[in-house]
Amino acid sequence: MSQAFVKEGEEEWLHDIQPTLTALISYLTRENNGIRVYEKSSYFSSKYNRELHVMSNGFSYAKDDNGKWYIAE
């Protein structure tokens, strides 16, 4: 007898995506019901001591010391 494995949740979390800007844009666009999200600007933040990416969805994102994305502001 064979068993089919079905993934119950198709959810992907922000911290699970690849540490590239392309992966971030793709993830945010999917989460935004397919409406494209793009990078408006980026800058080095002395507050976070890392580069922040300001996105068109109104949030800024950065990578932690392990290369995981998070919402910075």
Protein backbone atom coordinates (compact mmCIF):
# COMPACT_ATOMS: atom_id res chain seq x y z
CA MET A 1 0.00 0.00 0.00
CA SER A 2 1.43 3.37 -0.96
CA GLN A 3 1.05 6.55 0.97
CA ALA A 4 0.88 10.02 -0.45
CA PHE A 5 2.44 12.74 1.63
CA VAL A 6 0.64 16.04 1.52
CA LYS A 7 2.21 19.16 2.88
CA GLU A 8 -0.43 20.65 5.14
CA GLY A 9 0.81 24.20 5.06
CA GLU A 10 2.31 25.94 2.08
CA GLU A 11 3.46 28.79 4.28
CA GLU A 12 6.98 30.03 3.98
CA TRP A 13 8.36 32.37 6.59
CA LEU A 14 10.49 35.45 5.98
CA HIS A 15 13.42 33.99 7.91
CA ASP A 16 13.28 30.82 5.77
CA ILE A 17 13.97 32.41 2.39
CA GLN A 18 17.37 32.68 0.75
CA PRO A 19 19.50 35.67 1.84
CA THR A 20 19.31 37.41 -1.55
CA LEU A 21 17.41 40.51 -2.59
CA THR A 22 15.83 38.57 -5.47
CA ALA A 23 14.46 35.97 -3.04
CA LEU A 24 13.14 38.74 -0.76
CA ILE A 25 11.36 40.47 -3.65
CA SER A 26 9.85 37.19 -4.83
CA TYR A 27 8.66 36.29 -1.31
CA LEU A 28 7.17 39.74 -0.65
CA THR A 29 5.40 39.74 -4.03
CA ARG A 30 3.81 36.35 -3.25
CA GLU A 31 2.75 37.59 0.18
CA ASN A 32 1.28 40.70 -1.47
CA ASN A 33 -1.17 38.64 -3.58
CA GLY A 34 1.07 38.83 -6.64
CA ILE A 35 1.35 42.62 -6.65
CA ARG A 36 5.02 43.34 -7.30
CA VAL A 37 7.07 44.62 -4.37
CA TYR A 38 10.32 46.34 -5.26
CA GLU A 39 13.27 47.95 -3.52
CA LYS A 40 12.86 51.72 -3.21
CA SER A 41 16.28 52.34 -1.67
CA SER A 42 18.95 50.84 0.53
CA TYR A 43 21.34 52.36 3.03
CA PHE A 44 23.65 51.44 5.86
CA SER A 45 21.94 51.91 9.22
CA SER A 46 24.16 52.74 12.17
CA LYS A 47 21.23 51.87 14.45
CA TYR A 48 21.16 48.27 13.18
CA ASN A 49 24.80 48.22 12.05
CA ARG A 50 23.81 46.67 8.71
CA GLU A 51 22.33 47.45 5.31
CA LEU A 52 18.60 48.12 5.24
CA HIS A 53 16.43 47.65 2.17
CA VAL A 54 13.42 49.96 1.99
CA MET A 55 10.71 48.19 0.04
CA SER A 56 7.61 49.46 -1.74
CA ASN A 57 5.35 47.68 0.77
CA GLY A 58 6.34 50.26 3.40
CA PHE A 59 8.70 48.10 5.43
CA SER A 60 12.48 47.96 5.71
CA TYR A 61 14.27 44.63 5.78
CA ALA A 62 17.74 43.56 6.87
CA LYS A 63 19.65 40.32 7.35
CA ASP A 64 20.77 39.22 10.78
CA ASP A 65 24.23 37.84 11.58
CA ASN A 66 23.12 34.42 10.28
CA GLY A 67 21.88 35.81 6.95
CA LYS A 68 18.19 35.53 7.86
CA TRP A 69 15.83 38.29 6.71
CA TYR A 70 13.82 40.27 9.26
CA ILE A 71 11.71 43.42 9.34
CA ALA A 72 13.91 46.20 10.66
CA GLU A 73 11.59 49.18 10.86
